[in-house]
Amino acid sequence: MKPVKTIKSNYSIRIYAKDDSRLYIEQFHFRGIKVKYYPATNHRASRVKLYDTRHKKTVWLPYSYRHGDIKSQAIEHLWNLGLEPGGFTYDEKSGEYTVLTTNFYDSI
């Protein structure tokens, strides 16, 4: 496996104090890849949907029992494409992960 890179800030926000002095806060601008599990039906096996929120592209992967975890499966898929994940979020209401990366160019 490739070594993990340290993510550097790629965005800053300017805020103003009450005395009108300026402060720049370093931030990260991420690209989100939504990851959701779809159970088996009468016609299809279990699968995982990856949706690129920036490029509006969807990729379907067969569910990997080797991983047993859609987040790990998605991160490995993205890693192998050169999209180094820098973090993730989880939406408990929808059951979706959003994997975050600073690579805005490569396709999923």
N, C-alpha and C. Protein backbone atom coordinates (compact mmCIF):
# COMPACT_ATOMS: atom_id res chain seq x y z
N MET A 1 0.83 -1.19 0.00
CA MET A 1 0.00 0.00 0.00
C MET A 1 0.87 1.25 0.00
N LYS A 2 0.30 2.31 -0.56
CA LYS A 2 1.00 3.59 -0.57
C LYS A 2 0.94 4.24 0.80
N PRO A 3 1.97 5.01 1.16
CA PRO A 3 1.91 5.72 2.45
C PRO A 3 0.84 6.82 2.40
N VAL A 4 0.27 7.12 3.54
CA VAL A 4 -0.76 8.15 3.64
C VAL A 4 -0.11 9.53 3.61
N LYS A 5 -0.71 10.43 2.82
CA LYS A 5 -0.22 11.80 2.76
C LYS A 5 -0.82 12.62 3.89
N THR A 6 -0.11 13.64 4.30
CA THR A 6 -0.65 14.59 5.25
C THR A 6 -1.42 15.64 4.46
N ILE A 7 -2.65 15.87 4.82
CA ILE A 7 -3.48 16.83 4.09
C ILE A 7 -3.15 18.24 4.56
N LYS A 8 -2.91 19.12 3.59
CA LYS A 8 -2.64 20.51 3.90
C LYS A 8 -3.89 21.33 3.62
N SER A 9 -4.06 22.39 4.35
CA SER A 9 -5.21 23.26 4.16
C SER A 9 -5.24 23.75 2.71
N ASN A 10 -6.43 23.78 2.12
CA ASN A 10 -6.57 24.24 0.74
C ASN A 10 -7.59 25.36 0.61
N TYR A 11 -7.92 25.99 1.73
CA TYR A 11 -8.94 27.03 1.71
C TYR A 11 -8.83 27.84 3.00
N SER A 12 -9.12 29.11 2.94
CA SER A 12 -9.14 29.90 4.16
C SER A 12 -10.36 30.81 4.17
N ILE A 13 -10.82 31.09 5.35
CA ILE A 13 -12.00 31.94 5.55
C ILE A 13 -11.57 33.17 6.33
N ARG A 14 -12.03 34.33 5.87
CA ARG A 14 -11.74 35.58 6.55
C ARG A 14 -12.92 35.93 7.45
N ILE A 15 -12.65 36.15 8.73
CA ILE A 15 -13.69 36.60 9.65
C ILE A 15 -13.24 37.91 10.29
N TYR A 16 -14.20 38.64 10.78
CA TYR A 16 -13.93 39.94 11.38
C TYR A 16 -14.32 39.93 12.85
N ALA A 17 -13.46 40.48 13.66
CA ALA A 17 -13.75 40.63 15.09
C ALA A 17 -14.58 41.90 15.28
N LYS A 18 -15.05 42.12 16.51
CA LYS A 18 -15.87 43.30 16.79
C LYS A 18 -15.10 44.60 16.55
N ASP A 19 -13.76 44.57 16.68
CA ASP A 19 -12.96 45.78 16.44
C ASP A 19 -12.54 45.90 14.97
N ASP A 20 -13.17 45.13 14.07
CA ASP A 20 -12.91 45.11 12.63
C ASP A 20 -11.55 44.55 12.25
N SER A 21 -10.84 43.94 13.18
CA SER A 21 -9.60 43.27 12.81
C SER A 21 -9.96 41.97 12.08
N ARG A 22 -9.08 41.56 11.17
CA ARG A 22 -9.34 40.37 10.35
C ARG A 22 -8.55 39.17 10.87
N LEU A 23 -9.17 38.03 10.73
CA LEU A 23 -8.53 36.79 11.08
C LEU A 23 -8.81 35.79 9.97
N TYR A 24 -7.76 35.10 9.52
CA TYR A 24 -7.91 34.09 8.48
C TYR A 24 -7.82 32.71 9.12
N ILE A 25 -8.85 31.93 8.93
CA ILE A 25 -8.90 30.58 9.49
C ILE A 25 -8.69 29.59 8.36
N GLU A 26 -7.67 28.77 8.52
CA GLU A 26 -7.38 27.75 7.51
C GLU A 26 -8.43 26.64 7.58
N GLN A 27 -8.92 26.25 6.43
CA GLN A 27 -9.96 25.23 6.34
C GLN A 27 -9.58 24.20 5.29
N PHE A 28 -10.38 23.16 5.20
CA PHE A 28 -10.24 22.15 4.17
C PHE A 28 -11.48 22.18 3.29
N HIS A 29 -11.28 22.17 2.00
CA HIS A 29 -12.38 22.06 1.05
C HIS A 29 -12.34 20.64 0.52
N PHE A 30 -13.40 19.89 0.77
CA PHE A 30 -13.44 18.49 0.41
C PHE A 30 -14.45 18.22 -0.69
N ARG A 31 -14.22 17.15 -1.41
CA ARG A 31 -15.17 16.60 -2.37
C ARG A 31 -15.81 15.40 -1.68
N GLY A 32 -17.12 15.29 -1.76
CA GLY A 32 -17.82 14.22 -1.08
C GLY A 32 -18.26 13.11 -2.02
N ILE A 33 -18.05 11.88 -1.58
CA ILE A 33 -18.52 10.70 -2.29
C ILE A 33 -19.49 9.98 -1.35
N LYS A 34 -20.79 9.99 -1.68
CA LYS A 34 -21.78 9.33 -0.83
C LYS A 34 -21.73 7.83 -1.06
N VAL A 35 -21.86 7.09 0.03
CA VAL A 35 -21.77 5.63 -0.01
C VAL A 35 -23.00 5.04 0.69
N LYS A 36 -23.74 4.21 -0.04
CA LYS A 36 -24.95 3.64 0.53
C LYS A 36 -25.07 2.16 0.15
N TYR A 37 -25.57 1.37 1.10
CA TYR A 37 -25.78 -0.07 0.90
C TYR A 37 -27.19 -0.33 0.38
N TYR A 38 -27.29 -1.24 -0.59
CA TYR A 38 -28.58 -1.68 -1.11
C TYR A 38 -28.66 -3.20 -0.93
N PRO A 39 -29.66 -3.68 -0.20
CA PRO A 39 -29.74 -5.13 0.05
C PRO A 39 -30.15 -5.89 -1.21
N ALA A 40 -29.99 -7.19 -1.14
CA ALA A 40 -30.35 -8.06 -2.26
C ALA A 40 -31.86 -8.01 -2.51
N THR A 41 -32.20 -8.17 -3.78
CA THR A 41 -33.60 -8.28 -4.19
C THR A 41 -33.78 -9.63 -4.87
N ASN A 42 -34.94 -9.86 -5.45
CA ASN A 42 -35.18 -11.10 -6.18
C ASN A 42 -34.32 -11.18 -7.44
N HIS A 43 -33.86 -10.04 -7.92
CA HIS A 43 -33.15 -10.00 -9.20
C HIS A 43 -31.70 -9.52 -9.10
N ARG A 44 -31.31 -8.94 -7.98
CA ARG A 44 -29.95 -8.40 -7.85
C ARG A 44 -29.35 -8.78 -6.51
N ALA A 45 -28.05 -8.97 -6.52
CA ALA A 45 -27.31 -9.25 -5.29
C ALA A 45 -27.13 -7.96 -4.49
N SER A 46 -26.67 -8.07 -3.25
CA SER A 46 -26.37 -6.88 -2.44
C SER A 46 -25.32 -6.05 -3.16
N ARG A 47 -25.46 -4.74 -3.05
CA ARG A 47 -24.53 -3.85 -3.75
C ARG A 47 -24.32 -2.56 -2.98
N VAL A 48 -23.30 -1.83 -3.40
CA VAL A 48 -22.94 -0.57 -2.77
C VAL A 48 -22.92 0.51 -3.86
N LYS A 49 -23.57 1.62 -3.56
CA LYS A 49 -23.63 2.73 -4.50
C LYS A 49 -22.69 3.83 -4.03
N LEU A 50 -21.80 4.27 -4.93
CA LEU A 50 -20.94 5.43 -4.68
C LEU A 50 -21.43 6.54 -5.59
N TYR A 51 -21.75 7.70 -5.01
CA TYR A 51 -22.24 8.83 -5.78
C TYR A 51 -21.32 10.02 -5.57
N ASP A 52 -20.71 10.49 -6.65
CA ASP A 52 -19.82 11.64 -6.61
C ASP A 52 -20.67 12.91 -6.65
N THR A 53 -20.73 13.62 -5.54
CA THR A 53 -21.59 14.80 -5.44
C THR A 53 -21.10 15.97 -6.28
N ARG A 54 -19.82 15.98 -6.64
CA ARG A 54 -19.28 17.06 -7.45
C ARG A 54 -19.53 16.83 -8.94
N HIS A 55 -19.24 15.62 -9.41
CA HIS A 55 -19.35 15.32 -10.84
C HIS A 55 -20.65 14.62 -11.21
N LYS A 56 -21.49 14.37 -10.20
CA LYS A 56 -22.80 13.73 -10.39
C LYS A 56 -22.69 12.42 -11.17
N LYS A 57 -21.76 11.58 -10.72
CA LYS A 57 -21.54 10.28 -11.33
C LYS A 57 -21.77 9.19 -10.29
N THR A 58 -22.37 8.10 -10.73
CA THR A 58 -22.66 6.97 -9.85
C THR A 58 -21.87 5.75 -10.29
N VAL A 59 -21.35 5.01 -9.33
CA VAL A 59 -20.68 3.73 -9.56
C VAL A 59 -21.30 2.72 -8.62
N TRP A 60 -21.65 1.55 -9.16
CA TRP A 60 -22.19 0.45 -8.35
C TRP A 60 -21.11 -0.60 -8.17
N LEU A 61 -20.95 -1.07 -6.94
CA LEU A 61 -20.00 -2.13 -6.64
C LEU A 61 -20.77 -3.30 -6.02
N PRO A 62 -20.39 -4.54 -6.35
CA PRO A 62 -21.00 -5.66 -5.62
C PRO A 62 -20.55 -5.59 -4.17
N TYR A 63 -21.44 -5.90 -3.26
CA TYR A 63 -21.09 -5.86 -1.84
C TYR A 63 -19.96 -6.85 -1.56
N SER A 64 -18.95 -6.41 -0.83
CA SER A 64 -17.79 -7.24 -0.53
C SER A 64 -17.93 -7.84 0.87
N TYR A 65 -18.12 -9.15 0.91
CA TYR A 65 -18.18 -9.84 2.19
C TYR A 65 -16.80 -9.92 2.83
N ARG A 66 -15.77 -9.76 2.03
CA ARG A 66 -14.40 -9.72 2.57
C ARG A 66 -14.25 -8.53 3.51
N HIS A 67 -14.80 -7.38 3.10
CA HIS A 67 -14.74 -6.18 3.94
C HIS A 67 -15.78 -6.23 5.05
N GLY A 68 -17.02 -6.57 4.65
CA GLY A 68 -18.11 -6.60 5.62
C GLY A 68 -18.50 -5.22 6.11
N ASP A 69 -18.02 -4.19 5.43
CA ASP A 69 -18.24 -2.80 5.85
C ASP A 69 -18.19 -1.93 4.59
N ILE A 70 -19.29 -1.25 4.29
CA ILE A 70 -19.34 -0.47 3.04
C ILE A 70 -18.36 0.70 3.05
N LYS A 71 -18.11 1.27 4.21
CA LYS A 71 -17.15 2.39 4.29
C LYS A 71 -15.76 1.93 3.90
N SER A 72 -15.32 0.82 4.47
CA SER A 72 -13.99 0.29 4.15
C SER A 72 -13.90 -0.11 2.68
N GLN A 73 -14.96 -0.71 2.17
CA GLN A 73 -14.98 -1.11 0.76
C GLN A 73 -14.88 0.11 -0.15
N ALA A 74 -15.63 1.16 0.16
CA ALA A 74 -15.60 2.38 -0.66
C ALA A 74 -14.25 3.07 -0.58
N ILE A 75 -13.68 3.15 0.62
CA ILE A 75 -12.38 3.80 0.78
C ILE A 75 -11.31 3.03 0.02
N GLU A 76 -11.35 1.71 0.06
CA GLU A 76 -10.36 0.93 -0.70
C GLU A 76 -10.53 1.17 -2.21
N HIS A 77 -11.77 1.21 -2.68
CA HIS A 77 -12.03 1.46 -4.10
C HIS A 77 -11.48 2.83 -4.51
N LEU A 78 -11.76 3.85 -3.72
CA LEU A 78 -11.29 5.20 -4.03
C LEU A 78 -9.77 5.28 -3.95
N TRP A 79 -9.19 4.64 -2.96
CA TRP A 79 -7.73 4.62 -2.78
C TRP A 79 -7.06 4.03 -4.02
N ASN A 80 -7.61 2.92 -4.52
CA ASN A 80 -7.05 2.27 -5.70
C ASN A 80 -7.18 3.12 -6.96
N LEU A 81 -8.11 4.07 -6.96
CA LEU A 81 -8.25 5.00 -8.09
C LEU A 81 -7.36 6.23 -7.94
N GLY A 82 -6.67 6.36 -6.81
CA GLY A 82 -5.82 7.52 -6.56
C GLY A 82 -6.53 8.65 -5.85
N LEU A 83 -7.75 8.42 -5.41
CA LEU A 83 -8.52 9.43 -4.67
C LEU A 83 -8.31 9.18 -3.18
N GLU A 84 -7.28 9.77 -2.61
CA GLU A 84 -6.95 9.50 -1.21
C GLU A 84 -7.98 10.13 -0.28
N PRO A 85 -8.74 9.29 0.43
CA PRO A 85 -9.73 9.81 1.36
C PRO A 85 -9.06 10.53 2.53
N GLY A 86 -9.67 11.64 2.94
CA GLY A 86 -9.13 12.41 4.05
C GLY A 86 -10.03 12.40 5.26
N GLY A 87 -11.14 11.66 5.18
CA GLY A 87 -12.07 11.58 6.29
C GLY A 87 -13.42 11.11 5.80
N PHE A 88 -14.37 11.05 6.71
CA PHE A 88 -15.72 10.64 6.34
C PHE A 88 -16.71 11.19 7.36
N THR A 89 -17.97 11.18 6.96
CA THR A 89 -19.07 11.50 7.86
C THR A 89 -20.09 10.37 7.73
N TYR A 90 -20.99 10.29 8.69
CA TYR A 90 -22.05 9.29 8.65
C TYR A 90 -23.37 9.95 9.00
N ASP A 91 -24.37 9.73 8.16
CA ASP A 91 -25.72 10.25 8.39
C ASP A 91 -26.57 9.10 8.93
N GLU A 92 -26.86 9.14 10.21
CA GLU A 92 -27.60 8.05 10.85
C GLU A 92 -29.02 7.93 10.34
N LYS A 93 -29.60 9.04 9.90
CA LYS A 93 -30.98 9.01 9.42
C LYS A 93 -31.10 8.26 8.10
N SER A 94 -30.19 8.53 7.16
CA SER A 94 -30.26 7.89 5.84
C SER A 94 -29.40 6.63 5.75
N GLY A 95 -28.50 6.43 6.72
CA GLY A 95 -27.60 5.28 6.68
C GLY A 95 -26.51 5.41 5.64
N GLU A 96 -26.17 6.65 5.27
CA GLU A 96 -25.16 6.91 4.26
C GLU A 96 -23.88 7.45 4.87
N TYR A 97 -22.77 6.99 4.33
CA TYR A 97 -21.48 7.60 4.62
C TYR A 97 -21.20 8.61 3.53
N THR A 98 -20.41 9.61 3.85
CA THR A 98 -19.84 10.50 2.84
C THR A 98 -18.34 10.47 3.06
N VAL A 99 -17.63 9.91 2.10
CA VAL A 99 -16.18 9.84 2.15
C VAL A 99 -15.64 11.14 1.55
N LEU A 100 -14.68 11.75 2.22
CA LEU A 100 -14.16 13.06 1.81
C LEU A 100 -12.75 12.94 1.25
N THR A 101 -12.51 13.68 0.16
CA THR A 101 -11.19 13.71 -0.46
C THR A 101 -10.91 15.13 -0.95
N THR A 102 -9.64 15.47 -1.08
CA THR A 102 -9.26 16.78 -1.63
C THR A 102 -8.94 16.68 -3.12
N ASN A 103 -9.09 15.49 -3.70
CA ASN A 103 -8.88 15.31 -5.14
C ASN A 103 -10.19 15.65 -5.85
N PHE A 104 -10.20 16.75 -6.60
CA PHE A 104 -11.41 17.21 -7.28
C PHE A 104 -11.44 16.82 -8.75
N TYR A 105 -10.43 16.13 -9.24
CA TYR A 105 -10.29 15.95 -10.68
C TYR A 105 -10.53 14.53 -11.16
N ASP A 106 -9.96 13.54 -10.48
CA ASP A 106 -10.07 12.16 -10.95
C ASP A 106 -11.48 11.63 -10.78
N SER A 107 -11.89 10.83 -11.72
CA SER A 107 -13.25 10.26 -11.73
C SER A 107 -13.33 9.04 -10.82
N ILE A 108 -14.53 8.77 -10.32
CA ILE A 108 -14.74 7.56 -9.52
C ILE A 108 -15.00 6.40 -10.45
